[in-house]
Amino acid sequence: MSINKRKTGLILLLLVTSLLFVLPFQIVKAQTTTVSVSPQDNTVSVGQTLTVHIEISNVQNLYAVDIALTWDTSMLKLDSNQSFVGVASGILNTPVTVVQDTADQSTGEYHIVATSENPAGPFSGSGQLATLTFTVTGAGQSQLTFLNPNEQLASYPQSGETSQFISATVVNGNVSTSSPSASPSSTPSSSPSPITSSSTTPSSTTKVPEFPSLAILPLLILIPLILLAPKLRKQAFRRPSNARSR
């Protein structure tokens, strides 16, 4: 019994180990097919140009495409468009017939229809379908929206069978304008007001009469004499009285 239990446990261990190796491959194989606008979110200023790409990712057994993309014509003006079908970095294997590859600015729609032809085999993988370049002509927000999302991709028809639509996840794009950066207002430097020199009117001062230097000398002599005169007179009067007393 113990040997049987060991064998059963070993078998279970091998099953678990094999599942660990198989599951990652199944997950990779089950990747979702997407039709997307890249880059998805775009912020630009009015007057600038914007380039977006229509990309198909993780598709299997692809043989034809019918994809239409729309935009807001009041905000975006299409300048150019270029498709990449039947080229190395693009979509579909050659030979390829492009049924429609048109852009209409009046309706705001780009539409491409293309299919591989015998003896081309189906396309599997990822690639770029088209590139569109716009000029931003108005402020606001515009969606880049795919039309008929469930009828865009068709598979390679097997012998005696018709082509089937390939289910895909659609990733629309978005364009919004950024508010213009406020340019710093150049404040004019205040020009220094001219300094007006106030003319000072000379104050009227009484002029002191000027005397010649020689005329000052007698005055300097007379003034002390005048001050000493009273003392000299007193002394003159006292002397005779003293002399009489003697």
C-alpha atoms as a PDB file:
ATOM      1  CA  MET A   1       0.000   0.000   0.000  1.00  0.00           C
ATOM      2  CA  SER A   2       2.783   2.412   0.888  1.00  0.00           C
ATOM      3  CA  ILE A   3       4.477   1.795  -2.485  1.00  0.00           C
ATOM      4  CA  ASN A   4       1.221   2.598  -4.327  1.00  0.00           C
ATOM      5  CA  LYS A   5       0.810   5.793  -2.349  1.00  0.00           C
ATOM      6  CA  ARG A   6       4.352   6.838  -3.250  1.00  0.00           C
ATOM      7  CA  LYS A   7       3.699   6.166  -6.940  1.00  0.00           C
ATOM      8  CA  THR A   8       0.452   8.150  -6.813  1.00  0.00           C
ATOM      9  CA  GLY A   9       2.210  11.081  -5.133  1.00  0.00           C
ATOM     10  CA  LEU A  10       5.009  11.010  -7.707  1.00  0.00           C
ATOM     11  CA  ILE A  11       2.494  11.034 -10.581  1.00  0.00           C
ATOM     12  CA  LEU A  12       0.655  14.018  -9.061  1.00  0.00           C
ATOM     13  CA  LEU A  13       3.954  15.872  -8.626  1.00  0.00           C
ATOM     14  CA  LEU A  14       4.840  15.296 -12.274  1.00  0.00           C
ATOM     15  CA  LEU A  15       1.408  16.559 -13.371  1.00  0.00           C
ATOM     16  CA  VAL A  16       1.735  19.737 -11.330  1.00  0.00           C
ATOM     17  CA  THR A  17       5.257  20.328 -12.672  1.00  0.00           C
ATOM     18  CA  SER A  18       4.112  19.878 -16.275  1.00  0.00           C
ATOM     19  CA  LEU A  19       1.257  22.323 -15.736  1.00  0.00           C
ATOM     20  CA  LEU A  20       3.699  24.933 -14.447  1.00  0.00           C
ATOM     21  CA  PHE A  21       5.611  24.676 -17.722  1.00  0.00           C
ATOM     22  CA  VAL A  22       2.553  24.577 -19.994  1.00  0.00           C
ATOM     23  CA  LEU A  23       0.491  27.400 -18.463  1.00  0.00           C
ATOM     24  CA  PRO A  24       2.911  30.264 -19.311  1.00  0.00           C
ATOM     25  CA  PHE A  25       2.843  29.224 -22.967  1.00  0.00           C
ATOM     26  CA  GLN A  26      -0.949  29.152 -22.920  1.00  0.00           C
ATOM     27  CA  ILE A  27      -1.078  32.634 -21.393  1.00  0.00           C
ATOM     28  CA  VAL A  28       1.264  34.060 -24.036  1.00  0.00           C
ATOM     29  CA  LYS A  29      -0.734  32.381 -26.781  1.00  0.00           C
ATOM     30  CA  ALA A  30      -3.982  33.858 -25.432  1.00  0.00           C
ATOM     31  CA  GLN A  31      -2.845  37.489 -25.727  1.00  0.00           C
ATOM     32  CA  THR A  32      -5.649  39.847 -26.729  1.00  0.00           C
ATOM     33  CA  THR A  33      -5.732  41.251 -30.243  1.00  0.00           C
ATOM     34  CA  THR A  34      -5.921  45.068 -30.158  1.00  0.00           C
ATOM     35  CA  VAL A  35      -6.524  47.850 -32.674  1.00  0.00           C
ATOM     36  CA  SER A  36      -5.236  51.064 -31.129  1.00  0.00           C
ATOM     37  CA  VAL A  37      -4.275  54.693 -31.598  1.00  0.00           C
ATOM     38  CA  SER A  38      -0.734  55.354 -30.445  1.00  0.00           C
ATOM     39  CA  PRO A  39      -0.001  57.407 -28.458  1.00  0.00           C
ATOM     40  CA  GLN A  40      -3.392  57.135 -26.838  1.00  0.00           C
ATOM     41  CA  ASP A  41      -3.404  60.410 -24.873  1.00  0.00           C
ATOM     42  CA  ASN A  42      -2.016  63.561 -26.473  1.00  0.00           C
ATOM     43  CA  THR A  43      -1.746  67.084 -25.078  1.00  0.00           C
ATOM     44  CA  VAL A  44      -0.733  69.764 -27.558  1.00  0.00           C
ATOM     45  CA  SER A  45      -0.992  73.497 -28.097  1.00  0.00           C
ATOM     46  CA  VAL A  46      -2.964  75.250 -30.801  1.00  0.00           C
ATOM     47  CA  GLY A  47      -0.811  75.597 -33.918  1.00  0.00           C
ATOM     48  CA  GLN A  48       1.324  72.535 -33.210  1.00  0.00           C
ATOM     49  CA  THR A  49       1.406  69.352 -35.313  1.00  0.00           C
ATOM     50  CA  LEU A  50       0.445  65.929 -33.983  1.00  0.00           C
ATOM     51  CA  THR A  51       1.318  62.502 -35.434  1.00  0.00           C
ATOM     52  CA  VAL A  52      -0.556  59.358 -34.392  1.00  0.00           C
ATOM     53  CA  HIS A  53      -0.304  55.737 -35.526  1.00  0.00           C
ATOM     54  CA  ILE A  54      -2.946  53.080 -36.069  1.00  0.00           C
ATOM     55  CA  GLU A  55      -1.494  49.825 -34.759  1.00  0.00           C
ATOM     56  CA  ILE A  56      -2.663  46.199 -34.719  1.00  0.00           C
ATOM     57  CA  SER A  57      -1.185  43.983 -32.005  1.00  0.00           C
ATOM     58  CA  ASN A  58      -1.167  40.249 -31.276  1.00  0.00           C
ATOM     59  CA  VAL A  59      -3.325  39.226 -34.217  1.00  0.00           C
ATOM     60  CA  GLN A  60      -3.477  35.694 -35.608  1.00  0.00           C
ATOM     61  CA  ASN A  61      -4.405  34.511 -39.100  1.00  0.00           C
ATOM     62  CA  LEU A  62      -5.131  38.036 -40.457  1.00  0.00           C
ATOM     63  CA  TYR A  63      -5.971  38.374 -44.159  1.00  0.00           C
ATOM     64  CA  ALA A  64      -7.917  41.640 -44.571  1.00  0.00           C
ATOM     65  CA  VAL A  65      -8.570  44.955 -42.779  1.00  0.00           C
ATOM     66  CA  ASP A  66     -11.410  47.477 -42.952  1.00  0.00           C
ATOM     67  CA  ILE A  67     -10.648  50.273 -40.500  1.00  0.00           C
ATOM     68  CA  ALA A  68     -12.084  53.800 -40.214  1.00  0.00           C
ATOM     69  CA  LEU A  69     -10.954  56.504 -37.770  1.00  0.00           C
ATOM     70  CA  THR A  70     -12.754  59.792 -37.067  1.00  0.00           C
ATOM     71  CA  TRP A  71     -11.774  63.119 -35.429  1.00  0.00           C
ATOM     72  CA  ASP A  72     -13.208  66.546 -34.592  1.00  0.00           C
ATOM     73  CA  THR A  73     -12.696  68.792 -37.642  1.00  0.00           C
ATOM     74  CA  SER A  74     -13.188  71.983 -35.594  1.00  0.00           C
ATOM     75  CA  MET A  75     -10.034  71.173 -33.667  1.00  0.00           C
ATOM     76  CA  LEU A  76      -7.863  68.989 -35.930  1.00  0.00           C
ATOM     77  CA  LYS A  77      -6.919  69.423 -39.590  1.00  0.00           C
ATOM     78  CA  LEU A  78      -5.424  66.397 -41.349  1.00  0.00           C
ATOM     79  CA  ASP A  79      -2.182  67.270 -43.136  1.00  0.00           C
ATOM     80  CA  SER A  80      -1.094  63.837 -44.411  1.00  0.00           C
ATOM     81  CA  ASN A  81      -1.743  60.108 -44.115  1.00  0.00           C
ATOM     82  CA  GLN A  82       0.332  57.066 -45.057  1.00  0.00           C
ATOM     83  CA  SER A  83      -0.567  53.371 -44.931  1.00  0.00           C
ATOM     84  CA  PHE A  84       1.799  50.467 -44.261  1.00  0.00           C
ATOM     85  CA  VAL A  85       0.264  47.350 -45.783  1.00  0.00           C
ATOM     86  CA  GLY A  86       2.394  44.675 -47.364  1.00  0.00           C
ATOM     87  CA  VAL A  87       5.669  46.080 -45.956  1.00  0.00           C
ATOM     88  CA  ALA A  88       8.107  44.684 -43.425  1.00  0.00           C
ATOM     89  CA  SER A  89       7.005  46.810 -40.452  1.00  0.00           C
ATOM     90  CA  GLY A  90       3.366  46.935 -41.522  1.00  0.00           C
ATOM     91  CA  ILE A  91       0.354  44.650 -41.769  1.00  0.00           C
ATOM     92  CA  LEU A  92      -0.630  41.865 -44.231  1.00  0.00           C
ATOM     93  CA  ASN A  93       1.518  39.655 -46.411  1.00  0.00           C
ATOM     94  CA  THR A  94       2.011  40.311 -50.125  1.00  0.00           C
ATOM     95  CA  PRO A  95       0.561  40.384 -52.638  1.00  0.00           C
ATOM     96  CA  VAL A  96      -1.853  42.986 -51.252  1.00  0.00           C
ATOM     97  CA  THR A  97      -4.708  44.868 -52.868  1.00  0.00           C
ATOM     98  CA  VAL A  98      -5.604  48.251 -51.364  1.00  0.00           C
ATOM     99  CA  VAL A  99      -9.308  48.733 -52.054  1.00  0.00           C
ATOM    100  CA  GLN A 100      -9.582  52.098 -50.288  1.00  0.00           C
ATOM    101  CA  ASP A 101      -7.123  54.451 -48.640  1.00  0.00           C
ATOM    102  CA  THR A 102      -8.817  57.836 -48.296  1.00  0.00           C
ATOM    103  CA  ALA A 103      -9.037  60.773 -45.905  1.00  0.00           C
ATOM    104  CA  ASP A 104     -11.767  63.413 -45.853  1.00  0.00           C
ATOM    105  CA  GLN A 105     -11.214  66.521 -43.741  1.00  0.00           C
ATOM    106  CA  SER A 106     -14.789  67.753 -44.322  1.00  0.00           C
ATOM    107  CA  THR A 107     -16.211  64.693 -42.533  1.00  0.00           C
ATOM    108  CA  GLY A 108     -13.171  64.025 -40.328  1.00  0.00           C
ATOM    109  CA  GLU A 109     -12.684  60.412 -41.388  1.00  0.00           C
ATOM    110  CA  TYR A 110      -9.810  58.216 -42.532  1.00  0.00           C
ATOM    111  CA  HIS A 111     -10.750  54.864 -44.099  1.00  0.00           C
ATOM    112  CA  ILE A 112      -8.523  52.035 -45.284  1.00  0.00           C
ATOM    113  CA  VAL A 113      -9.634  48.712 -46.793  1.00  0.00           C
ATOM    114  CA  ALA A 114      -6.983  46.192 -47.889  1.00  0.00           C
ATOM    115  CA  THR A 115      -6.664  42.438 -48.357  1.00  0.00           C
ATOM    116  CA  SER A 116      -3.977  39.904 -49.118  1.00  0.00           C
ATOM    117  CA  GLU A 117      -4.390  37.760 -52.216  1.00  0.00           C
ATOM    118  CA  ASN A 118      -3.438  34.247 -53.223  1.00  0.00           C
ATOM    119  CA  PRO A 119      -0.746  32.958 -52.878  1.00  0.00           C
ATOM    120  CA  ALA A 120      -0.160  35.149 -49.799  1.00  0.00           C
ATOM    121  CA  GLY A 121      -0.452  33.448 -46.446  1.00  0.00           C
ATOM    122  CA  PRO A 122      -2.123  34.885 -43.333  1.00  0.00           C
ATOM    123  CA  PHE A 123      -0.409  37.514 -41.198  1.00  0.00           C
ATOM    124  CA  SER A 124       0.244  36.883 -37.512  1.00  0.00           C
ATOM    125  CA  GLY A 125       1.884  39.260 -35.041  1.00  0.00           C
ATOM    126  CA  SER A 126       1.899  43.036 -34.587  1.00  0.00           C
ATOM    127  CA  GLY A 127       2.503  45.978 -36.896  1.00  0.00           C
ATOM    128  CA  GLN A 128       1.670  49.509 -37.899  1.00  0.00           C
ATOM    129  CA  LEU A 129      -1.252  50.021 -40.280  1.00  0.00           C
ATOM    130  CA  ALA A 130      -1.155  53.785 -40.927  1.00  0.00           C
ATOM    131  CA  THR A 131       0.208  57.149 -39.760  1.00  0.00           C
ATOM    132  CA  LEU A 132      -1.802  60.382 -39.648  1.00  0.00           C
ATOM    133  CA  THR A 133      -0.435  63.878 -39.096  1.00  0.00           C
ATOM    134  CA  PHE A 134      -2.691  66.716 -37.918  1.00  0.00           C
ATOM    135  CA  THR A 135      -2.396  70.414 -37.242  1.00  0.00           C
ATOM    136  CA  VAL A 136      -4.195  71.587 -34.109  1.00  0.00           C
ATOM    137  CA  THR A 137      -6.431  74.453 -35.232  1.00  0.00           C
ATOM    138  CA  GLY A 138      -8.670  74.958 -32.206  1.00  0.00           C
ATOM    139  CA  ALA A 139      -8.752  74.573 -28.460  1.00  0.00           C
ATOM    140  CA  GLY A 140     -10.702  71.837 -26.720  1.00  0.00           C
ATOM    141  CA  GLN A 141     -10.772  68.050 -26.754  1.00  0.00           C
ATOM    142  CA  SER A 142     -11.131  65.588 -29.648  1.00  0.00           C
ATOM    143  CA  GLN A 143     -11.615  61.834 -29.622  1.00  0.00           C
ATOM    144  CA  LEU A 144      -9.881  59.696 -32.244  1.00  0.00           C
ATOM    145  CA  THR A 145     -12.574  57.050 -32.571  1.00  0.00           C
ATOM    146  CA  PHE A 146     -12.688  53.793 -34.528  1.00  0.00           C
ATOM    147  CA  LEU A 147     -15.900  52.987 -36.399  1.00  0.00           C
ATOM    148  CA  ASN A 148     -17.404  49.467 -36.565  1.00  0.00           C
ATOM    149  CA  PRO A 149     -14.988  48.014 -33.988  1.00  0.00           C
ATOM    150  CA  ASN A 150     -16.325  44.460 -34.405  1.00  0.00           C
ATOM    151  CA  GLU A 151     -15.875  44.362 -38.172  1.00  0.00           C
ATOM    152  CA  GLN A 152     -12.336  45.593 -38.690  1.00  0.00           C
ATOM    153  CA  LEU A 153     -10.243  42.435 -39.079  1.00  0.00           C
ATOM    154  CA  ALA A 154     -10.907  39.357 -41.208  1.00  0.00           C
ATOM    155  CA  SER A 155      -9.217  35.962 -40.998  1.00  0.00           C
ATOM    156  CA  TYR A 156      -7.623  33.810 -43.686  1.00  0.00           C
ATOM    157  CA  PRO A 157     -10.368  31.705 -45.297  1.00  0.00           C
ATOM    158  CA  GLN A 158      -9.795  27.989 -45.235  1.00  0.00           C
ATOM    159  CA  SER A 159     -10.474  25.934 -48.356  1.00  0.00           C
ATOM    160  CA  GLY A 160     -14.160  26.007 -49.110  1.00  0.00           C
ATOM    161  CA  GLU A 161     -14.904  28.389 -46.225  1.00  0.00           C
ATOM    162  CA  THR A 162     -15.544  32.122 -45.948  1.00  0.00           C
ATOM    163  CA  SER A 163     -13.435  34.590 -43.994  1.00  0.00           C
ATOM    164  CA  GLN A 164     -14.485  35.307 -40.411  1.00  0.00           C
ATOM    165  CA  PHE A 165     -14.203  38.476 -38.341  1.00  0.00           C
ATOM    166  CA  ILE A 166     -11.429  38.463 -35.762  1.00  0.00           C
ATOM    167  CA  SER A 167     -12.442  39.728 -32.330  1.00  0.00           C
ATOM    168  CA  ALA A 168     -10.263  42.608 -31.162  1.00  0.00           C
ATOM    169  CA  THR A 169     -10.108  45.154 -28.356  1.00  0.00           C
ATOM    170  CA  VAL A 170     -10.287  48.740 -29.593  1.00  0.00           C
ATOM    171  CA  VAL A 171      -8.249  51.506 -27.947  1.00  0.00           C
ATOM    172  CA  ASN A 172      -9.383  54.947 -29.103  1.00  0.00           C
ATOM    173  CA  GLY A 173      -7.215  58.042 -28.862  1.00  0.00           C
ATOM    174  CA  ASN A 174      -7.681  61.399 -27.201  1.00  0.00           C
ATOM    175  CA  VAL A 175      -6.326  64.847 -28.063  1.00  0.00           C
ATOM    176  CA  SER A 176      -6.588  67.838 -25.747  1.00  0.00           C
ATOM    177  CA  THR A 177      -5.076  71.272 -25.927  1.00  0.00           C
ATOM    178  CA  SER A 178      -2.941  72.723 -23.202  1.00  0.00           C
ATOM    179  CA  SER A 179      -3.596  76.222 -21.956  1.00  0.00           C
ATOM    180  CA  PRO A 180      -0.898  78.528 -23.278  1.00  0.00           C
ATOM    181  CA  SER A 181       1.684  79.342 -20.685  1.00  0.00           C
ATOM    182  CA  ALA A 182       1.247  82.886 -19.512  1.00  0.00           C
ATOM    183  CA  SER A 183       4.160  84.842 -20.824  1.00  0.00           C
ATOM    184  CA  PRO A 184       5.658  86.992 -18.119  1.00  0.00           C
ATOM    185  CA  SER A 185       4.403  90.510 -18.596  1.00  0.00           C
ATOM    186  CA  SER A 186       7.357  92.701 -19.137  1.00  0.00           C
ATOM    187  CA  THR A 187       6.856  95.452 -16.632  1.00  0.00           C
ATOM    188  CA  PRO A 188       8.572  98.523 -17.993  1.00  0.00           C
ATOM    189  CA  SER A 189      11.232  99.652 -15.641  1.00  0.00           C
ATOM    190  CA  SER A 190      10.201 102.905 -14.113  1.00  0.00           C
ATOM    191  CA  SER A 191      12.434 105.477 -15.676  1.00  0.00           C
ATOM    192  CA  PRO A 192      13.957 107.626 -12.993  1.00  0.00           C
ATOM    193  CA  SER A 193      12.289 110.986 -12.904  1.00  0.00           C
ATOM    194  CA  PRO A 194      14.775 113.675 -13.779  1.00  0.00           C
ATOM    195  CA  ILE A 195      16.040 115.459 -10.755  1.00  0.00           C
ATOM    196  CA  THR A 196      15.180 119.074 -11.241  1.00  0.00           C
ATOM    197  CA  SER A 197      17.724 121.157  -9.481  1.00  0.00           C
ATOM    198  CA  SER A 198      15.747 123.780  -7.665  1.00  0.00           C
ATOM    199  CA  SER A 199      17.273 127.151  -8.294  1.00  0.00           C
ATOM    200  CA  THR A 200      17.871 128.590  -4.869  1.00  0.00           C
ATOM    201  CA  THR A 201      17.216 132.268  -4.827  1.00  0.00           C
ATOM    202  CA  PRO A 202      19.955 133.849  -2.787  1.00  0.00           C
ATOM    203  CA  SER A 203      18.636 135.182   0.485  1.00  0.00           C
ATOM    204  CA  SER A 204      19.013 138.901   0.767  1.00  0.00           C
ATOM    205  CA  THR A 205      21.744 139.461   3.333  1.00  0.00           C
ATOM    206  CA  THR A 206      22.733 142.861   4.638  1.00  0.00           C
ATOM    207  CA  LYS A 207      26.141 143.612   3.414  1.00  0.00           C
ATOM    208  CA  VAL A 208      28.672 144.624   6.078  1.00  0.00           C
ATOM    209  CA  PRO A 209      30.688 147.550   4.762  1.00  0.00           C
ATOM    210  CA  GLU A 210      34.224 146.591   4.222  1.00  0.00           C
ATOM    211  CA  PHE A 211      36.949 148.766   5.674  1.00  0.00           C
ATOM    212  CA  PRO A 212      40.430 148.965   4.375  1.00  0.00           C
ATOM    213  CA  SER A 213      42.912 147.201   6.593  1.00  0.00           C
ATOM    214  CA  LEU A 214      44.801 150.431   7.286  1.00  0.00           C
ATOM    215  CA  ALA A 215      41.649 152.159   8.544  1.00  0.00           C
ATOM    216  CA  ILE A 216      41.141 149.456  11.148  1.00  0.00           C
ATOM    217  CA  LEU A 217      44.405 150.185  12.978  1.00  0.00           C
ATOM    218  CA  PRO A 218      43.388 153.640  14.310  1.00  0.00           C
ATOM    219  CA  LEU A 219      40.125 152.163  15.492  1.00  0.00           C
ATOM    220  CA  LEU A 220      41.938 149.424  17.358  1.00  0.00           C
ATOM    221  CA  ILE A 221      44.015 152.106  19.070  1.00  0.00           C
ATOM    222  CA  LEU A 222      41.129 154.493  19.809  1.00  0.00           C
ATOM    223  CA  ILE A 223      38.774 151.902  21.292  1.00  0.00           C
ATOM    224  CA  PRO A 224      41.081 150.976  24.229  1.00  0.00           C
ATOM    225  CA  LEU A 225      41.837 154.622  24.822  1.00  0.00           C
ATOM    226  CA  ILE A 226      38.163 155.478  24.972  1.00  0.00           C
ATOM    227  CA  LEU A 227      37.595 152.641  27.441  1.00  0.00           C
ATOM    228  CA  LEU A 228      40.538 153.714  29.599  1.00  0.00           C
ATOM    229  CA  ALA A 229      39.772 157.427  29.516  1.00  0.00           C
ATOM    230  CA  PRO A 230      37.407 157.448  32.573  1.00  0.00           C
ATOM    231  CA  LYS A 231      40.007 155.660  34.704  1.00  0.00           C
ATOM    232  CA  LEU A 232      42.717 158.063  33.646  1.00  0.00           C
ATOM    233  CA  ARG A 233      40.531 161.048  34.565  1.00  0.00           C
ATOM    234  CA  LYS A 234      39.847 159.678  38.039  1.00  0.00           C
ATOM    235  CA  GLN A 235      43.487 159.127  38.628  1.00  0.00           C
ATOM    236  CA  ALA A 236      44.225 162.674  37.428  1.00  0.00           C
ATOM    237  CA  PHE A 237      41.766 164.134  39.923  1.00  0.00           C
ATOM    238  CA  ARG A 238      43.077 162.034  42.819  1.00  0.00           C
ATOM    239  CA  ARG A 239      46.730 163.106  42.437  1.00  0.00           C
ATOM    240  CA  PRO A 240      46.265 166.767  43.363  1.00  0.00           C
ATOM    241  CA  SER A 241      44.253 165.907  46.425  1.00  0.00           C
ATOM    242  CA  ASN A 242      46.994 163.614  47.586  1.00  0.00           C
ATOM    243  CA  ALA A 243      49.581 166.239  46.966  1.00  0.00           C
ATOM    244  CA  ARG A 244      47.704 168.785  49.075  1.00  0.00           C
ATOM    245  CA  SER A 245      47.422 166.415  51.969  1.00  0.00           C
ATOM    246  CA  ARG A 246      51.131 166.028  51.985  1.00  0.00           C
END
